[in-house]
Amino acid sequence: MTNSYREHIFVIDDDQDMLDIVSLILKRAKYECTCLANAYDCVRQLHTNQCDLLIVDVRMPGKGGIQLLTEVKHFAPWLPVIMISGYADIQMAVQALKAGAFDFIEKPVYGRKLLAAVRSALK
């Protein structure tokens, strides 16, 4: 009997094009993927659906990525979170890592780099 379990990754970004790109990369690598446009939907989904990894944009309207990261670490401290941003700087990356992010990736997101971070986070 083979193990048919596929890791489930939530991608949270307010940019639909970015959701489409990241989702395509993940699905081609045989991961389950749920795309969400905001942090509020992510929190709701986390309370009802299984998730193995979050990939979160830092800057989003309403609740931003760092806020989401901090909230998730309170109720699911074991869940790895990869932060992504098109407006990254060293201070932002340090803030995300101190808040519990597993990794920080700058946009544009490239397949190899993203998949290397995903594989590492899921180990």
PDB file of N, CA and C in Angstrom:
ATOM      1  N   MET A   1       0.846  -1.173   0.000  1.00  0.00           N
ATOM      2  CA  MET A   1       0.000   0.000   0.000  1.00  0.00           C
ATOM      3  C   MET A   1       0.897   1.243   0.000  1.00  0.00           C
ATOM      4  N   THR A   2       0.621   2.184  -0.870  1.00  0.00           N
ATOM      5  CA  THR A   2       1.421   3.403  -0.946  1.00  0.00           C
ATOM      6  C   THR A   2       0.775   4.505  -0.123  1.00  0.00           C
ATOM      7  N   ASN A   3       1.612   5.394   0.346  1.00  0.00           N
ATOM      8  CA  ASN A   3       1.132   6.533   1.110  1.00  0.00           C
ATOM      9  C   ASN A   3       0.694   7.610   0.126  1.00  0.00           C
ATOM     10  N   SER A   4      -0.573   7.947   0.112  1.00  0.00           N
ATOM     11  CA  SER A   4      -1.096   8.921  -0.834  1.00  0.00           C
ATOM     12  C   SER A   4      -1.272  10.303  -0.205  1.00  0.00           C
ATOM     13  N   TYR A   5      -0.733  10.492   0.996  1.00  0.00           N
ATOM     14  CA  TYR A   5      -0.866  11.782   1.669  1.00  0.00           C
ATOM     15  C   TYR A   5      -0.110  12.864   0.895  1.00  0.00           C
ATOM     16  N   ARG A   6      -0.771  13.967   0.671  1.00  0.00           N
ATOM     17  CA  ARG A   6      -0.145  15.124   0.043  1.00  0.00           C
ATOM     18  C   ARG A   6      -0.215  16.291   1.010  1.00  0.00           C
ATOM     19  N   GLU A   7       0.932  16.912   1.261  1.00  0.00           N
ATOM     20  CA  GLU A   7       0.949  18.066   2.160  1.00  0.00           C
ATOM     21  C   GLU A   7       0.039  19.159   1.618  1.00  0.00           C
ATOM     22  N   HIS A   8      -0.658  19.804   2.540  1.00  0.00           N
ATOM     23  CA  HIS A   8      -1.617  20.850   2.183  1.00  0.00           C
ATOM     24  C   HIS A   8      -1.037  22.198   2.594  1.00  0.00           C
ATOM     25  N   ILE A   9      -0.920  23.085   1.628  1.00  0.00           N
ATOM     26  CA  ILE A   9      -0.319  24.397   1.837  1.00  0.00           C
ATOM     27  C   ILE A   9      -1.364  25.476   1.582  1.00  0.00           C
ATOM     28  N   PHE A  10      -1.470  26.418   2.514  1.00  0.00           N
ATOM     29  CA  PHE A  10      -2.314  27.592   2.316  1.00  0.00           C
ATOM     30  C   PHE A  10      -1.419  28.724   1.820  1.00  0.00           C
ATOM     31  N   VAL A  11      -1.856  29.397   0.760  1.00  0.00           N
ATOM     32  CA  VAL A  11      -1.158  30.562   0.230  1.00  0.00           C
ATOM     33  C   VAL A  11      -2.068  31.760   0.442  1.00  0.00           C
ATOM     34  N   ILE A  12      -1.552  32.783   1.136  1.00  0.00           N
ATOM     35  CA  ILE A  12      -2.359  33.949   1.465  1.00  0.00           C
ATOM     36  C   ILE A  12      -1.705  35.177   0.857  1.00  0.00           C
ATOM     37  N   ASP A  13      -2.413  35.800  -0.075  1.00  0.00           N
ATOM     38  CA  ASP A  13      -1.905  36.991  -0.761  1.00  0.00           C
ATOM     39  C   ASP A  13      -3.095  37.717  -1.362  1.00  0.00           C
ATOM     40  N   ASP A  14      -3.079  39.036  -1.326  1.00  0.00           N
ATOM     41  CA  ASP A  14      -4.186  39.813  -1.895  1.00  0.00           C
ATOM     42  C   ASP A  14      -4.024  40.010  -3.403  1.00  0.00           C
ATOM     43  N   ASP A  15      -2.925  39.569  -3.974  1.00  0.00           N
ATOM     44  CA  ASP A  15      -2.657  39.685  -5.408  1.00  0.00           C
ATOM     45  C   ASP A  15      -3.021  38.365  -6.096  1.00  0.00           C
ATOM     46  N   GLN A  16      -4.088  38.383  -6.880  1.00  0.00           N
ATOM     47  CA  GLN A  16      -4.567  37.162  -7.534  1.00  0.00           C
ATOM     48  C   GLN A  16      -3.517  36.558  -8.463  1.00  0.00           C
ATOM     49  N   ASP A  17      -2.749  37.394  -9.156  1.00  0.00           N
ATOM     50  CA  ASP A  17      -1.702  36.865 -10.035  1.00  0.00           C
ATOM     51  C   ASP A  17      -0.666  36.077  -9.236  1.00  0.00           C
ATOM     52  N   MET A  18      -0.303  36.588  -8.074  1.00  0.00           N
ATOM     53  CA  MET A  18       0.668  35.885  -7.226  1.00  0.00           C
ATOM     54  C   MET A  18       0.081  34.571  -6.723  1.00  0.00           C
ATOM     55  N   LEU A  19      -1.179  34.575  -6.331  1.00  0.00           N
ATOM     56  CA  LEU A  19      -1.837  33.331  -5.919  1.00  0.00           C
ATOM     57  C   LEU A  19      -1.810  32.302  -7.052  1.00  0.00           C
ATOM     58  N   ASP A  20      -2.084  32.754  -8.275  1.00  0.00           N
ATOM     59  CA  ASP A  20      -2.088  31.847  -9.424  1.00  0.00           C
ATOM     60  C   ASP A  20      -0.699  31.251  -9.675  1.00  0.00           C
ATOM     61  N   ILE A  21       0.336  32.090  -9.606  1.00  0.00           N
ATOM     62  CA  ILE A  21       1.702  31.635  -9.867  1.00  0.00           C
ATOM     63  C   ILE A  21       2.156  30.639  -8.812  1.00  0.00           C
ATOM     64  N   VAL A  22       2.001  31.008  -7.535  1.00  0.00           N
ATOM     65  CA  VAL A  22       2.455  30.136  -6.447  1.00  0.00           C
ATOM     66  C   VAL A  22       1.663  28.834  -6.454  1.00  0.00           C
ATOM     67  N   SER A  23       0.373  28.918  -6.674  1.00  0.00           N
ATOM     68  CA  SER A  23      -0.465  27.723  -6.738  1.00  0.00           C
ATOM     69  C   SER A  23      -0.010  26.786  -7.848  1.00  0.00           C
ATOM     70  N   LEU A  24       0.293  27.322  -9.009  1.00  0.00           N
ATOM     71  CA  LEU A  24       0.756  26.513 -10.133  1.00  0.00           C
ATOM     72  C   LEU A  24       2.072  25.804  -9.793  1.00  0.00           C
ATOM     73  N   ILE A  25       3.007  26.522  -9.199  1.00  0.00           N
ATOM     74  CA  ILE A  25       4.291  25.937  -8.796  1.00  0.00           C
ATOM     75  C   ILE A  25       4.060  24.789  -7.819  1.00  0.00           C
ATOM     76  N   LEU A  26       3.219  25.021  -6.821  1.00  0.00           N
ATOM     77  CA  LEU A  26       2.978  24.008  -5.788  1.00  0.00           C
ATOM     78  C   LEU A  26       2.236  22.794  -6.340  1.00  0.00           C
ATOM     79  N   LYS A  27       1.229  23.025  -7.158  1.00  0.00           N
ATOM     80  CA  LYS A  27       0.457  21.909  -7.710  1.00  0.00           C
ATOM     81  C   LYS A  27       1.293  21.059  -8.659  1.00  0.00           C
ATOM     82  N   ARG A  28       2.172  21.680  -9.419  1.00  0.00           N
ATOM     83  CA  ARG A  28       3.074  20.915 -10.290  1.00  0.00           C
ATOM     84  C   ARG A  28       4.032  20.044  -9.477  1.00  0.00           C
ATOM     85  N   ALA A  29       4.334  20.498  -8.255  1.00  0.00           N
ATOM     86  CA  ALA A  29       5.211  19.728  -7.367  1.00  0.00           C
ATOM     87  C   ALA A  29       4.406  18.738  -6.518  1.00  0.00           C
ATOM     88  N   LYS A  30       3.119  18.578  -6.839  1.00  0.00           N
ATOM     89  CA  LYS A  30       2.232  17.592  -6.204  1.00  0.00           C
ATOM     90  C   LYS A  30       1.822  17.927  -4.770  1.00  0.00           C
ATOM     91  N   TYR A  31       1.728  19.224  -4.459  1.00  0.00           N
ATOM     92  CA  TYR A  31       1.199  19.643  -3.161  1.00  0.00           C
ATOM     93  C   TYR A  31      -0.263  20.035  -3.325  1.00  0.00           C
ATOM     94  N   GLU A  32      -1.055  19.798  -2.275  1.00  0.00           N
ATOM     95  CA  GLU A  32      -2.408  20.350  -2.218  1.00  0.00           C
ATOM     96  C   GLU A  32      -2.254  21.835  -1.911  1.00  0.00           C
ATOM     97  N   CYS A  33      -3.105  22.662  -2.481  1.00  0.00           N
ATOM     98  CA  CYS A  33      -2.952  24.103  -2.297  1.00  0.00           C
ATOM     99  C   CYS A  33      -4.321  24.770  -2.151  1.00  0.00           C
ATOM    100  N   THR A  34      -4.437  25.607  -1.134  1.00  0.00           N
ATOM    101  CA  THR A  34      -5.624  26.438  -0.950  1.00  0.00           C
ATOM    102  C   THR A  34      -5.172  27.879  -1.002  1.00  0.00           C
ATOM    103  N   CYS A  35      -5.766  28.667  -1.891  1.00  0.00           N
ATOM    104  CA  CYS A  35      -5.418  30.074  -2.034  1.00  0.00           C
ATOM    105  C   CYS A  35      -6.456  30.943  -1.335  1.00  0.00           C
ATOM    106  N   LEU A  36      -5.966  31.895  -0.563  1.00  0.00           N
ATOM    107  CA  LEU A  36      -6.837  32.785   0.198  1.00  0.00           C
ATOM    108  C   LEU A  36      -6.380  34.225  -0.010  1.00  0.00           C
ATOM    109  N   ALA A  37      -7.340  35.135  -0.130  1.00  0.00           N
ATOM    110  CA  ALA A  37      -7.030  36.521  -0.461  1.00  0.00           C
ATOM    111  C   ALA A  37      -6.766  37.415   0.740  1.00  0.00           C
ATOM    112  N   ASN A  38      -7.002  36.897   1.958  1.00  0.00           N
ATOM    113  CA  ASN A  38      -6.764  37.743   3.127  1.00  0.00           C
ATOM    114  C   ASN A  38      -6.521  36.898   4.377  1.00  0.00           C
ATOM    115  N   ALA A  39      -6.002  37.550   5.392  1.00  0.00           N
ATOM    116  CA  ALA A  39      -5.647  36.880   6.641  1.00  0.00           C
ATOM    117  C   ALA A  39      -6.874  36.362   7.389  1.00  0.00           C
ATOM    118  N   TYR A  40      -7.969  37.062   7.308  1.00  0.00           N
ATOM    119  CA  TYR A  40      -9.181  36.652   8.022  1.00  0.00           C
ATOM    120  C   TYR A  40      -9.694  35.300   7.517  1.00  0.00           C
ATOM    121  N   ASP A  41      -9.709  35.133   6.190  1.00  0.00           N
ATOM    122  CA  ASP A  41     -10.132  33.852   5.618  1.00  0.00           C
ATOM    123  C   ASP A  41      -9.170  32.740   6.032  1.00  0.00           C
ATOM    124  N   CYS A  42      -7.901  33.063   6.114  1.00  0.00           N
ATOM    125  CA  CYS A  42      -6.907  32.066   6.517  1.00  0.00           C
ATOM    126  C   CYS A  42      -7.191  31.562   7.928  1.00  0.00           C
ATOM    127  N   VAL A  43      -7.421  32.450   8.865  1.00  0.00           N
ATOM    128  CA  VAL A  43      -7.684  32.047  10.252  1.00  0.00           C
ATOM    129  C   VAL A  43      -8.926  31.167  10.315  1.00  0.00           C
ATOM    130  N   ARG A  44      -9.979  31.540   9.599  1.00  0.00           N
ATOM    131  CA  ARG A  44     -11.195  30.717   9.570  1.00  0.00           C
ATOM    132  C   ARG A  44     -10.899  29.325   9.023  1.00  0.00           C
ATOM    133  N   GLN A  45     -10.161  29.254   7.938  1.00  0.00           N
ATOM    134  CA  GLN A  45      -9.832  27.970   7.324  1.00  0.00           C
ATOM    135  C   GLN A  45      -8.959  27.112   8.232  1.00  0.00           C
ATOM    136  N   LEU A  46      -8.040  27.730   8.952  1.00  0.00           N
ATOM    137  CA  LEU A  46      -7.153  26.979   9.837  1.00  0.00           C
ATOM    138  C   LEU A  46      -7.911  26.305  10.980  1.00  0.00           C
ATOM    139  N   HIS A  47      -9.035  26.871  11.361  1.00  0.00           N
ATOM    140  CA  HIS A  47      -9.829  26.284  12.443  1.00  0.00           C
ATOM    141  C   HIS A  47     -10.659  25.095  11.974  1.00  0.00           C
ATOM    142  N   THR A  48     -10.813  24.940  10.654  1.00  0.00           N
ATOM    143  CA  THR A  48     -11.662  23.853  10.159  1.00  0.00           C
ATOM    144  C   THR A  48     -10.973  22.903   9.178  1.00  0.00           C
ATOM    145  N   ASN A  49      -9.815  23.277   8.662  1.00  0.00           N
ATOM    146  CA  ASN A  49      -9.142  22.468   7.650  1.00  0.00           C
ATOM    147  C   ASN A  49      -7.697  22.177   8.033  1.00  0.00           C
ATOM    148  N   GLN A  50      -7.230  21.019   7.595  1.00  0.00           N
ATOM    149  CA  GLN A  50      -5.861  20.615   7.858  1.00  0.00           C
ATOM    150  C   GLN A  50      -4.911  21.430   6.983  1.00  0.00           C
ATOM    151  N   CYS A  51      -3.796  21.868   7.562  1.00  0.00           N
ATOM    152  CA  CYS A  51      -2.799  22.635   6.835  1.00  0.00           C
ATOM    153  C   CYS A  51      -1.420  22.256   7.363  1.00  0.00           C
ATOM    154  N   ASP A  52      -0.452  22.098   6.452  1.00  0.00           N
ATOM    155  CA  ASP A  52       0.905  21.727   6.833  1.00  0.00           C
ATOM    156  C   ASP A  52       1.892  22.879   6.732  1.00  0.00           C
ATOM    157  N   LEU A  53       1.514  23.940   6.017  1.00  0.00           N
ATOM    158  CA  LEU A  53       2.421  25.074   5.794  1.00  0.00           C
ATOM    159  C   LEU A  53       1.618  26.273   5.316  1.00  0.00           C
ATOM    160  N   LEU A  54       2.022  27.458   5.770  1.00  0.00           N
ATOM    161  CA  LEU A  54       1.451  28.705   5.261  1.00  0.00           C
ATOM    162  C   LEU A  54       2.512  29.440   4.462  1.00  0.00           C
ATOM    163  N   ILE A  55       2.103  30.018   3.349  1.00  0.00           N
ATOM    164  CA  ILE A  55       2.940  30.947   2.593  1.00  0.00           C
ATOM    165  C   ILE A  55       2.160  32.257   2.577  1.00  0.00           C
ATOM    166  N   VAL A  56       2.722  33.289   3.216  1.00  0.00           N
ATOM    167  CA  VAL A  56       1.962  34.500   3.511  1.00  0.00           C
ATOM    168  C   VAL A  56       2.669  35.747   2.983  1.00  0.00           C
ATOM    169  N   ASP A  57       1.918  36.585   2.272  1.00  0.00           N
ATOM    170  CA  ASP A  57       2.419  37.892   1.858  1.00  0.00           C
ATOM    171  C   ASP A  57       2.487  38.800   3.083  1.00  0.00           C
ATOM    172  N   VAL A  58       3.519  39.620   3.161  1.00  0.00           N
ATOM    173  CA  VAL A  58       3.673  40.514   4.304  1.00  0.00           C
ATOM    174  C   VAL A  58       2.655  41.644   4.259  1.00  0.00           C
ATOM    175  N   ARG A  59       2.527  42.279   3.111  1.00  0.00           N
ATOM    176  CA  ARG A  59       1.647  43.452   3.008  1.00  0.00           C
ATOM    177  C   ARG A  59       0.322  43.089   2.363  1.00  0.00           C
ATOM    178  N   MET A  60      -0.730  43.174   3.174  1.00  0.00           N
ATOM    179  CA  MET A  60      -2.089  42.940   2.694  1.00  0.00           C
ATOM    180  C   MET A  60      -3.001  43.943   3.384  1.00  0.00           C
ATOM    181  N   PRO A  61      -4.091  44.331   2.739  1.00  0.00           N
ATOM    182  CA  PRO A  61      -5.042  45.234   3.394  1.00  0.00           C
ATOM    183  C   PRO A  61      -5.651  44.568   4.627  1.00  0.00           C
ATOM    184  N   GLY A  62      -6.024  45.368   5.590  1.00  0.00           N
ATOM    185  CA  GLY A  62      -6.603  44.823   6.819  1.00  0.00           C
ATOM    186  C   GLY A  62      -5.499  44.261   7.690  1.00  0.00           C
ATOM    187  N   LYS A  63      -5.565  42.980   7.956  1.00  0.00           N
ATOM    188  CA  LYS A  63      -4.557  42.311   8.772  1.00  0.00           C
ATOM    189  C   LYS A  63      -3.393  41.898   7.871  1.00  0.00           C
ATOM    190  N   GLY A  64      -2.209  42.396   8.167  1.00  0.00           N
ATOM    191  CA  GLY A  64      -1.026  42.086   7.371  1.00  0.00           C
ATOM    192  C   GLY A  64      -0.434  40.731   7.723  1.00  0.00           C
ATOM    193  N   GLY A  65       0.570  40.349   6.973  1.00  0.00           N
ATOM    194  CA  GLY A  65       1.194  39.052   7.133  1.00  0.00           C
ATOM    195  C   GLY A  65       1.874  38.831   8.481  1.00  0.00           C
ATOM    196  N   ILE A  66       2.547  39.851   9.001  1.00  0.00           N
ATOM    197  CA  ILE A  66       3.209  39.712  10.305  1.00  0.00           C
ATOM    198  C   ILE A  66       2.161  39.524  11.397  1.00  0.00           C
ATOM    199  N   GLN A  67       1.060  40.255  11.305  1.00  0.00           N
ATOM    200  CA  GLN A  67      -0.029  40.082  12.273  1.00  0.00           C
ATOM    201  C   GLN A  67      -0.598  38.666  12.191  1.00  0.00           C
ATOM    202  N   LEU A  68      -0.801  38.188  10.988  1.00  0.00           N
ATOM    203  CA  LEU A  68      -1.306  36.830  10.808  1.00  0.00           C
ATOM    204  C   LEU A  68      -0.325  35.821  11.383  1.00  0.00           C
ATOM    205  N   LEU A  69       0.948  35.983  11.095  1.00  0.00           N
ATOM    206  CA  LEU A  69       1.981  35.096  11.626  1.00  0.00           C
ATOM    207  C   LEU A  69       1.930  35.043  13.143  1.00  0.00           C
ATOM    208  N   THR A  70       1.864  36.192  13.780  1.00  0.00           N
ATOM    209  CA  THR A  70       1.817  36.264  15.240  1.00  0.00           C
ATOM    210  C   THR A  70       0.577  35.558  15.785  1.00  0.00           C
ATOM    211  N   GLU A  71      -0.567  35.780  15.154  1.00  0.00           N
ATOM    212  CA  GLU A  71      -1.810  35.137  15.591  1.00  0.00           C
ATOM    213  C   GLU A  71      -1.738  33.618  15.433  1.00  0.00           C
ATOM    214  N   VAL A  72      -1.262  33.162  14.289  1.00  0.00           N
ATOM    215  CA  VAL A  72      -1.168  31.720  14.032  1.00  0.00           C
ATOM    216  C   VAL A  72      -0.234  31.054  15.031  1.00  0.00           C
ATOM    217  N   LYS A  73       0.870  31.699  15.360  1.00  0.00           N
ATOM    218  CA  LYS A  73       1.832  31.108  16.294  1.00  0.00           C
ATOM    219  C   LYS A  73       1.240  30.955  17.697  1.00  0.00           C
ATOM    220  N   HIS A  74       0.178  31.707  18.019  1.00  0.00           N
ATOM    221  CA  HIS A  74      -0.489  31.548  19.318  1.00  0.00           C
ATOM    222  C   HIS A  74      -1.334  30.287  19.380  1.00  0.00           C
ATOM    223  N   PHE A  75      -2.028  29.932  18.293  1.00  0.00           N
ATOM    224  CA  PHE A  75      -2.904  28.755  18.359  1.00  0.00           C
ATOM    225  C   PHE A  75      -2.372  27.543  17.595  1.00  0.00           C
ATOM    226  N   ALA A  76      -1.325  27.730  16.782  1.00  0.00           N
ATOM    227  CA  ALA A  76      -0.714  26.604  16.068  1.00  0.00           C
ATOM    228  C   ALA A  76       0.800  26.837  15.966  1.00  0.00           C
ATOM    229  N   PRO A  77       1.499  26.802  17.097  1.00  0.00           N
ATOM    230  CA  PRO A  77       2.929  27.144  17.090  1.00  0.00           C
ATOM    231  C   PRO A  77       3.787  26.187  16.261  1.00  0.00           C
ATOM    232  N   TRP A  78       3.300  24.998  15.985  1.00  0.00           N
ATOM    233  CA  TRP A  78       4.040  24.002  15.207  1.00  0.00           C
ATOM    234  C   TRP A  78       3.966  24.251  13.696  1.00  0.00           C
ATOM    235  N   LEU A  79       3.038  25.095  13.258  1.00  0.00           N
ATOM    236  CA  LEU A  79       2.800  25.295  11.828  1.00  0.00           C
ATOM    237  C   LEU A  79       3.882  26.197  11.228  1.00  0.00           C
ATOM    238  N   PRO A  80       4.661  25.688  10.254  1.00  0.00           N
ATOM    239  CA  PRO A  80       5.679  26.537   9.634  1.00  0.00           C
ATOM    240  C   PRO A  80       5.031  27.580   8.718  1.00  0.00           C
ATOM    241  N   VAL A  81       5.666  28.763   8.696  1.00  0.00           N
ATOM    242  CA  VAL A  81       5.163  29.877   7.897  1.00  0.00           C
ATOM    243  C   VAL A  81       6.322  30.459   7.090  1.00  0.00           C
ATOM    244  N   ILE A  82       6.126  30.544   5.787  1.00  0.00           N
ATOM    245  CA  ILE A  82       7.077  31.215   4.904  1.00  0.00           C
ATOM    246  C   ILE A  82       6.461  32.549   4.521  1.00  0.00           C
ATOM    247  N   MET A  83       7.205  33.616   4.761  1.00  0.00           N
ATOM    248  CA  MET A  83       6.732  34.958   4.421  1.00  0.00           C
ATOM    249  C   MET A  83       7.296  35.343   3.057  1.00  0.00           C
ATOM    250  N   ILE A  84       6.485  36.060   2.258  1.00  0.00           N
ATOM    251  CA  ILE A  84       6.939  36.581   0.972  1.00  0.00           C
ATOM    252  C   ILE A  84       6.602  38.062   0.898  1.00  0.00           C
ATOM    253  N   SER A  85       7.436  38.824   0.186  1.00  0.00           N
ATOM    254  CA  SER A  85       7.155  40.252   0.048  1.00  0.00           C
ATOM    255  C   SER A  85       7.851  40.830  -1.169  1.00  0.00           C
ATOM    256  N   GLY A  86       7.170  41.737  -1.812  1.00  0.00           N
ATOM    257  CA  GLY A  86       7.745  42.496  -2.913  1.00  0.00           C
ATOM    258  C   GLY A  86       8.389  43.776  -2.430  1.00  0.00           C
ATOM    259  N   TYR A  87       8.250  44.068  -1.157  1.00  0.00           N
ATOM    260  CA  TYR A  87       8.780  45.305  -0.571  1.00  0.00           C
ATOM    261  C   TYR A  87       9.719  44.982   0.578  1.00  0.00           C
ATOM    262  N   ALA A  88      10.476  43.938   0.421  1.00  0.00           N
ATOM    263  CA  ALA A  88      11.291  43.428   1.516  1.00  0.00           C
ATOM    264  C   ALA A  88      12.492  44.330   1.807  1.00  0.00           C
ATOM    265  N   ASP A  89      12.812  44.393   3.082  1.00  0.00           N
ATOM    266  CA  ASP A  89      14.063  44.984   3.524  1.00  0.00           C
ATOM    267  C   ASP A  89      14.557  44.154   4.707  1.00  0.00           C
ATOM    268  N   ILE A  90      15.746  44.416   5.144  1.00  0.00           N
ATOM    269  CA  ILE A  90      16.344  43.605   6.208  1.00  0.00           C
ATOM    270  C   ILE A  90      15.522  43.685   7.484  1.00  0.00           C
ATOM    271  N   GLN A  91      15.068  44.873   7.844  1.00  0.00           N
ATOM    272  CA  GLN A  91      14.287  45.043   9.075  1.00  0.00           C
ATOM    273  C   GLN A  91      13.004  44.207   9.027  1.00  0.00           C
ATOM    274  N   MET A  92      12.326  44.201   7.881  1.00  0.00           N
ATOM    275  CA  MET A  92      11.096  43.425   7.735  1.00  0.00           C
ATOM    276  C   MET A  92      11.384  41.928   7.867  1.00  0.00           C
ATOM    277  N   ALA A  93      12.452  41.464   7.231  1.00  0.00           N
ATOM    278  CA  ALA A  93      12.809  40.049   7.303  1.00  0.00           C
ATOM    279  C   ALA A  93      13.149  39.645   8.731  1.00  0.00           C
ATOM    280  N   VAL A  94      13.903  40.474   9.430  1.00  0.00           N
ATOM    281  CA  VAL A  94      14.260  40.186  10.826  1.00  0.00           C
ATOM    282  C   VAL A  94      13.000  40.144  11.693  1.00  0.00           C
ATOM    283  N   GLN A  95      12.094  41.088  11.486  1.00  0.00           N
ATOM    284  CA  GLN A  95      10.842  41.126  12.240  1.00  0.00           C
ATOM    285  C   GLN A  95      10.041  39.843  12.022  1.00  0.00           C
ATOM    286  N   ALA A  96       9.957  39.387  10.778  1.00  0.00           N
ATOM    287  CA  ALA A  96       9.211  38.168  10.464  1.00  0.00           C
ATOM    288  C   ALA A  96       9.856  36.949  11.113  1.00  0.00           C
ATOM    289  N   LEU A  97      11.166  36.848  11.035  1.00  0.00           N
ATOM    290  CA  LEU A  97      11.861  35.700  11.623  1.00  0.00           C
ATOM    291  C   LEU A  97      11.747  35.701  13.146  1.00  0.00           C
ATOM    292  N   LYS A  98      11.830  36.866  13.747  1.00  0.00           N
ATOM    293  CA  LYS A  98      11.664  36.959  15.207  1.00  0.00           C
ATOM    294  C   LYS A  98      10.246  36.593  15.629  1.00  0.00           C
ATOM    295  N   ALA A  99       9.270  36.858  14.769  1.00  0.00           N
ATOM    296  CA  ALA A  99       7.872  36.525  15.077  1.00  0.00           C
ATOM    297  C   ALA A  99       7.582  35.044  14.859  1.00  0.00           C
ATOM    298  N   GLY A 100       8.551  34.306  14.292  1.00  0.00           N
ATOM    299  CA  GLY A 100       8.372  32.870  14.152  1.00  0.00           C
ATOM    300  C   GLY A 100       8.320  32.345  12.734  1.00  0.00           C
ATOM    301  N   ALA A 101       8.581  33.193  11.742  1.00  0.00           N
ATOM    302  CA  ALA A 101       8.589  32.716  10.359  1.00  0.00           C
ATOM    303  C   ALA A 101       9.711  31.715  10.155  1.00  0.00           C
ATOM    304  N   PHE A 102       9.453  30.708   9.341  1.00  0.00           N
ATOM    305  CA  PHE A 102      10.470  29.721   9.006  1.00  0.00           C
ATOM    306  C   PHE A 102      11.471  30.293   8.008  1.00  0.00           C
ATOM    307  N   ASP A 103      10.949  31.077   7.049  1.00  0.00           N
ATOM    308  CA  ASP A 103      11.800  31.636   6.002  1.00  0.00           C
ATOM    309  C   ASP A 103      11.148  32.909   5.479  1.00  0.00           C
ATOM    310  N   PHE A 104      11.921  33.676   4.740  1.00  0.00           N
ATOM    311  CA  PHE A 104      11.456  34.935   4.156  1.00  0.00           C
ATOM    312  C   PHE A 104      11.961  34.975   2.716  1.00  0.00           C
ATOM    313  N   ILE A 105      11.047  35.117   1.759  1.00  0.00           N
ATOM    314  CA  ILE A 105      11.399  35.115   0.340  1.00  0.00           C
ATOM    315  C   ILE A 105      10.913  36.410  -0.304  1.00  0.00           C
ATOM    316  N   GLU A 106      11.791  37.016  -1.104  1.00  0.00           N
ATOM    317  CA  GLU A 106      11.414  38.223  -1.831  1.00  0.00           C
ATOM    318  C   GLU A 106      10.696  37.877  -3.129  1.00  0.00           C
ATOM    319  N   LYS A 107       9.723  38.706  -3.495  1.00  0.00           N
ATOM    320  CA  LYS A 107       9.073  38.599  -4.793  1.00  0.00           C
ATOM    321  C   LYS A 107       9.969  39.286  -5.811  1.00  0.00           C
ATOM    322  N   PRO A 108      10.002  38.885  -7.054  1.00  0.00           N
ATOM    323  CA  PRO A 108       9.181  37.814  -7.602  1.00  0.00           C
ATOM    324  C   PRO A 108       9.631  36.449  -7.088  1.00  0.00           C
ATOM    325  N   VAL A 109       8.671  35.562  -6.985  1.00  0.00           N
ATOM    326  CA  VAL A 109       8.919  34.216  -6.467  1.00  0.00           C
ATOM    327  C   VAL A 109       9.330  33.313  -7.628  1.00  0.00           C
ATOM    328  N   TYR A 110      10.449  32.642  -7.449  1.00  0.00           N
ATOM    329  CA  TYR A 110      10.936  31.700  -8.461  1.00  0.00           C
ATOM    330  C   TYR A 110      10.715  30.283  -7.976  1.00  0.00           C
ATOM    331  N   GLY A 111      10.322  29.405  -8.886  1.00  0.00           N
ATOM    332  CA  GLY A 111       9.941  28.038  -8.550  1.00  0.00           C
ATOM    333  C   GLY A 111      10.956  27.287  -7.723  1.00  0.00           C
ATOM    334  N   ARG A 112      12.205  27.250  -8.162  1.00  0.00           N
ATOM    335  CA  ARG A 112      13.218  26.473  -7.442  1.00  0.00           C
ATOM    336  C   ARG A 112      13.425  26.969  -6.019  1.00  0.00           C
ATOM    337  N   LYS A 113      13.517  28.274  -5.883  1.00  0.00           N
ATOM    338  CA  LYS A 113      13.743  28.850  -4.552  1.00  0.00           C
ATOM    339  C   LYS A 113      12.543  28.589  -3.639  1.00  0.00           C
ATOM    340  N   LEU A 114      11.347  28.776  -4.169  1.00  0.00           N
ATOM    341  CA  LEU A 114      10.142  28.532  -3.377  1.00  0.00           C
ATOM    342  C   LEU A 114      10.055  27.080  -2.974  1.00  0.00           C
ATOM    343  N   LEU A 115      10.256  26.162  -3.912  1.00  0.00           N
ATOM    344  CA  LEU A 115      10.142  24.740  -3.601  1.00  0.00           C
ATOM    345  C   LEU A 115      11.221  24.275  -2.630  1.00  0.00           C
ATOM    346  N   ALA A 116      12.409  24.845  -2.705  1.00  0.00           N
ATOM    347  CA  ALA A 116      13.464  24.508  -1.734  1.00  0.00           C
ATOM    348  C   ALA A 116      13.034  24.931  -0.331  1.00  0.00           C
ATOM    349  N   ALA A 117      12.450  26.120  -0.210  1.00  0.00           N
ATOM    350  CA  ALA A 117      11.981  26.600   1.095  1.00  0.00           C
ATOM    351  C   ALA A 117      10.813  25.735   1.599  1.00  0.00           C
ATOM    352  N   VAL A 118       9.912  25.380   0.697  1.00  0.00           N
ATOM    353  CA  VAL A 118       8.754  24.556   1.067  1.00  0.00           C
ATOM    354  C   VAL A 118       9.217  23.187   1.576  1.00  0.00           C
ATOM    355  N   ARG A 119      10.093  22.551   0.819  1.00  0.00           N
ATOM    356  CA  ARG A 119      10.595  21.220   1.233  1.00  0.00           C
ATOM    357  C   ARG A 119      11.287  21.295   2.583  1.00  0.00           C
ATOM    358  N   SER A 120      12.080  22.305   2.776  1.00  0.00           N
ATOM    359  CA  SER A 120      12.800  22.474   4.040  1.00  0.00           C
ATOM    360  C   SER A 120      11.816  22.700   5.191  1.00  0.00           C
ATOM    361  N   ALA A 121      10.811  23.521   4.981  1.00  0.00           N
ATOM    362  CA  ALA A 121       9.826  23.817   6.030  1.00  0.00           C
ATOM    363  C   ALA A 121       8.999  22.597   6.389  1.00  0.00           C
ATOM    364  N   LEU A 122       8.752  21.735   5.427  1.00  0.00           N
ATOM    365  CA  LEU A 122       7.899  20.562   5.660  1.00  0.00           C
ATOM    366  C   LEU A 122       8.649  19.379   6.278  1.00  0.00           C
ATOM    367  N   LYS A 123       9.964  19.457   6.370  1.00  0.00           N
ATOM    368  CA  LYS A 123      10.744  18.349   6.956  1.00  0.00           C
ATOM    369  C   LYS A 123      10.489  18.219   8.435  1.00  0.00           C
TER     370      LYS A 123
END
